[in-house]
Amino acid sequence: MAVNILENFITKKVRKGDVYVPSALLLLLKNKGKASVKQIAKLIYIFEKKHSLEKYEMIVKNMVVVILDQYSLITIKDDTIILNTWPIKDDDVQKLIMLCYKVSNGFFRNLKTQNQQKAA
């Protein structure tokens, strides 16, 4: 059920080419359902580097967190964002990660999934 909620959100609600929401979901999925605003902002900064880290933190707080909260996908405790659909089985996590890669139009092309890392 949790996988279906996230899959539906990623495929039907996230705009193609959006990188901010998929970045947050990607980090939450890779980090056992938890991440801070700063961690998400750092991930975006590493790949995009168009703005300062502080600007990305503002984008995450004012846009990404609002969107994810609007769809009841997260809970916020202090500075920690918690994915409401956690725990998720490893196979399903990999499937959702691939959807994040796809919707972001190659933004994360240098990241590898666990399966790709094991094969290398």
C-alpha atoms as a PDB file:
ATOM      1  CA  MET A   1       0.000   0.000   0.000  1.00  0.00           C
ATOM      2  CA  ALA A   2       2.742   2.480   0.957  1.00  0.00           C
ATOM      3  CA  VAL A   3       4.575   1.715  -2.250  1.00  0.00           C
ATOM      4  CA  ASN A   4       1.444   2.402  -4.285  1.00  0.00           C
ATOM      5  CA  ILE A   5       0.966   5.769  -2.593  1.00  0.00           C
ATOM      6  CA  LEU A   6       4.521   6.856  -3.387  1.00  0.00           C
ATOM      7  CA  GLU A   7       4.481   5.351  -6.871  1.00  0.00           C
ATOM      8  CA  ASN A   8       1.253   7.186  -7.681  1.00  0.00           C
ATOM      9  CA  PHE A   9       2.646  10.437  -6.298  1.00  0.00           C
ATOM     10  CA  ILE A  10       5.900  10.177  -8.259  1.00  0.00           C
ATOM     11  CA  THR A  11       4.284   9.180 -11.543  1.00  0.00           C
ATOM     12  CA  LYS A  12       1.161  11.351 -11.433  1.00  0.00           C
ATOM     13  CA  LYS A  13       1.903  14.381  -9.260  1.00  0.00           C
ATOM     14  CA  VAL A  14       5.612  15.140  -9.712  1.00  0.00           C
ATOM     15  CA  ARG A  15       6.259  17.148 -12.862  1.00  0.00           C
ATOM     16  CA  LYS A  16       8.665  15.683 -15.418  1.00  0.00           C
ATOM     17  CA  GLY A  17      12.030  17.366 -15.081  1.00  0.00           C
ATOM     18  CA  ASP A  18      11.427  18.449 -11.482  1.00  0.00           C
ATOM     19  CA  VAL A  19      14.546  17.768  -9.449  1.00  0.00           C
ATOM     20  CA  TYR A  20      13.704  19.110  -6.003  1.00  0.00           C
ATOM     21  CA  VAL A  21      10.868  16.767  -4.990  1.00  0.00           C
ATOM     22  CA  PRO A  22      12.572  13.670  -6.462  1.00  0.00           C
ATOM     23  CA  SER A  23      15.770  14.681  -4.625  1.00  0.00           C
ATOM     24  CA  ALA A  24      13.942  14.725  -1.319  1.00  0.00           C
ATOM     25  CA  LEU A  25      12.229  11.414  -1.985  1.00  0.00           C
ATOM     26  CA  LEU A  26      15.453   9.841  -3.198  1.00  0.00           C
ATOM     27  CA  LEU A  27      17.333  10.805  -0.055  1.00  0.00           C
ATOM     28  CA  LEU A  28      14.458   9.757   2.196  1.00  0.00           C
ATOM     29  CA  LEU A  29      14.312   6.378   0.462  1.00  0.00           C
ATOM     30  CA  LYS A  30      18.076   5.845   0.628  1.00  0.00           C
ATOM     31  CA  ASN A  31      18.215   7.017   4.262  1.00  0.00           C
ATOM     32  CA  LYS A  32      15.589   4.656   5.761  1.00  0.00           C
ATOM     33  CA  GLY A  33      12.791   7.225   5.580  1.00  0.00           C
ATOM     34  CA  LYS A  34      14.515  10.093   7.401  1.00  0.00           C
ATOM     35  CA  ALA A  35      16.538  13.138   6.337  1.00  0.00           C
ATOM     36  CA  SER A  36      17.091  16.727   7.337  1.00  0.00           C
ATOM     37  CA  VAL A  37      16.371  19.786   5.217  1.00  0.00           C
ATOM     38  CA  LYS A  38      20.124  20.424   5.110  1.00  0.00           C
ATOM     39  CA  GLN A  39      20.873  16.895   3.828  1.00  0.00           C
ATOM     40  CA  ILE A  40      18.343  17.249   1.016  1.00  0.00           C
ATOM     41  CA  ALA A  41      19.648  20.712   0.144  1.00  0.00           C
ATOM     42  CA  LYS A  42      23.212  19.348   0.006  1.00  0.00           C
ATOM     43  CA  LEU A  43      22.167  16.588  -2.396  1.00  0.00           C
ATOM     44  CA  ILE A  44      20.581  19.119  -4.750  1.00  0.00           C
ATOM     45  CA  TYR A  45      23.573  21.454  -4.412  1.00  0.00           C
ATOM     46  CA  ILE A  46      26.028  18.682  -5.310  1.00  0.00           C
ATOM     47  CA  PHE A  47      24.242  18.018  -8.577  1.00  0.00           C
ATOM     48  CA  GLU A  48      22.978  21.454  -9.577  1.00  0.00           C
ATOM     49  CA  LYS A  49      25.270  24.127  -8.059  1.00  0.00           C
ATOM     50  CA  LYS A  50      23.221  27.011  -9.493  1.00  0.00           C
ATOM     51  CA  HIS A  51      22.564  28.530  -6.072  1.00  0.00           C
ATOM     52  CA  SER A  52      24.147  28.654  -2.639  1.00  0.00           C
ATOM     53  CA  LEU A  53      23.499  25.861  -0.161  1.00  0.00           C
ATOM     54  CA  GLU A  54      21.436  28.295   1.899  1.00  0.00           C
ATOM     55  CA  LYS A  55      19.202  29.029  -1.096  1.00  0.00           C
ATOM     56  CA  TYR A  56      18.624  25.301  -1.589  1.00  0.00           C
ATOM     57  CA  GLU A  57      17.728  24.968   2.093  1.00  0.00           C
ATOM     58  CA  MET A  58      15.086  27.680   1.578  1.00  0.00           C
ATOM     59  CA  ILE A  59      13.762  25.891  -1.527  1.00  0.00           C
ATOM     60  CA  VAL A  60      13.511  22.616   0.373  1.00  0.00           C
ATOM     61  CA  LYS A  61      11.752  24.238   3.363  1.00  0.00           C
ATOM     62  CA  ASN A  62       9.415  26.497   1.396  1.00  0.00           C
ATOM     63  CA  MET A  63       8.557  24.289  -1.557  1.00  0.00           C
ATOM     64  CA  VAL A  64       9.526  20.625  -1.218  1.00  0.00           C
ATOM     65  CA  VAL A  65       8.446  20.154   2.388  1.00  0.00           C
ATOM     66  CA  VAL A  66       5.186  22.006   1.702  1.00  0.00           C
ATOM     67  CA  ILE A  67       4.384  19.779  -1.297  1.00  0.00           C
ATOM     68  CA  LEU A  68       5.232  16.526   0.466  1.00  0.00           C
ATOM     69  CA  ASP A  69       3.265  17.618   3.535  1.00  0.00           C
ATOM     70  CA  GLN A  70       0.303  18.671   1.377  1.00  0.00           C
ATOM     71  CA  TYR A  71       0.047  15.073   0.145  1.00  0.00           C
ATOM     72  CA  SER A  72       0.545  13.725   3.704  1.00  0.00           C
ATOM     73  CA  LEU A  73       3.728  11.898   2.698  1.00  0.00           C
ATOM     74  CA  ILE A  74       5.883  13.260   5.519  1.00  0.00           C
ATOM     75  CA  THR A  75       5.941  14.215   9.163  1.00  0.00           C
ATOM     76  CA  ILE A  76       8.319  16.901  10.407  1.00  0.00           C
ATOM     77  CA  LYS A  77       9.970  16.590  13.823  1.00  0.00           C
ATOM     78  CA  ASP A  78      12.422  19.352  14.660  1.00  0.00           C
ATOM     79  CA  ASP A  79      14.616  19.515  11.540  1.00  0.00           C
ATOM     80  CA  THR A  80      13.972  15.901  10.550  1.00  0.00           C
ATOM     81  CA  ILE A  81      11.655  14.948   7.718  1.00  0.00           C
ATOM     82  CA  ILE A  82      10.166  11.486   8.156  1.00  0.00           C
ATOM     83  CA  LEU A  83       8.534   9.555   5.326  1.00  0.00           C
ATOM     84  CA  ASN A  84       5.072   8.458   6.537  1.00  0.00           C
ATOM     85  CA  THR A  85       5.132   5.376   4.322  1.00  0.00           C
ATOM     86  CA  TRP A  86       8.245   3.899   5.972  1.00  0.00           C
ATOM     87  CA  PRO A  87       9.178   1.028   6.353  1.00  0.00           C
ATOM     88  CA  ILE A  88       9.325  -0.117   2.734  1.00  0.00           C
ATOM     89  CA  LYS A  89      10.812  -3.387   1.478  1.00  0.00           C
ATOM     90  CA  ASP A  90      14.223  -3.104  -0.202  1.00  0.00           C
ATOM     91  CA  ASP A  91      12.943  -4.206  -3.620  1.00  0.00           C
ATOM     92  CA  ASP A  92      10.213  -1.581  -3.470  1.00  0.00           C
ATOM     93  CA  VAL A  93      12.710   1.074  -2.374  1.00  0.00           C
ATOM     94  CA  GLN A  94      14.796   0.320  -5.475  1.00  0.00           C
ATOM     95  CA  LYS A  95      11.707   0.533  -7.681  1.00  0.00           C
ATOM     96  CA  LEU A  96      10.768   3.934  -6.213  1.00  0.00           C
ATOM     97  CA  ILE A  97      14.346   5.189  -6.549  1.00  0.00           C
ATOM     98  CA  MET A  98      14.280   4.291 -10.234  1.00  0.00           C
ATOM     99  CA  LEU A  99      11.037   6.255 -10.628  1.00  0.00           C
ATOM    100  CA  CYS A 100      12.726   9.281  -9.008  1.00  0.00           C
ATOM    101  CA  TYR A 101      15.610   8.932 -11.468  1.00  0.00           C
ATOM    102  CA  LYS A 102      13.185   8.717 -14.370  1.00  0.00           C
ATOM    103  CA  VAL A 103      11.014  11.688 -13.439  1.00  0.00           C
ATOM    104  CA  SER A 104      14.077  13.904 -12.896  1.00  0.00           C
ATOM    105  CA  ASN A 105      15.175  13.354 -16.537  1.00  0.00           C
ATOM    106  CA  GLY A 106      18.670  12.093 -15.740  1.00  0.00           C
ATOM    107  CA  PHE A 107      19.503  14.623 -13.000  1.00  0.00           C
ATOM    108  CA  PHE A 108      20.953  11.792 -10.890  1.00  0.00           C
ATOM    109  CA  ARG A 109      22.642   9.861 -13.687  1.00  0.00           C
ATOM    110  CA  ASN A 110      25.887   9.587 -11.675  1.00  0.00           C
ATOM    111  CA  LEU A 111      24.239   7.863  -8.723  1.00  0.00           C
ATOM    112  CA  LYS A 112      24.056   4.089  -8.650  1.00  0.00           C
ATOM    113  CA  THR A 113      21.381   1.867  -7.166  1.00  0.00           C
ATOM    114  CA  GLN A 114      22.353  -0.839  -4.683  1.00  0.00           C
ATOM    115  CA  ASN A 115      21.980  -3.468  -7.426  1.00  0.00           C
ATOM    116  CA  GLN A 116      24.329  -1.531  -9.718  1.00  0.00           C
ATOM    117  CA  GLN A 117      26.862  -1.107  -6.892  1.00  0.00           C
ATOM    118  CA  LYS A 118      26.803  -4.858  -6.138  1.00  0.00           C
ATOM    119  CA  ALA A 119      27.374  -5.692  -9.813  1.00  0.00           C
ATOM    120  CA  ALA A 120      30.377  -3.351 -10.093  1.00  0.00           C
END
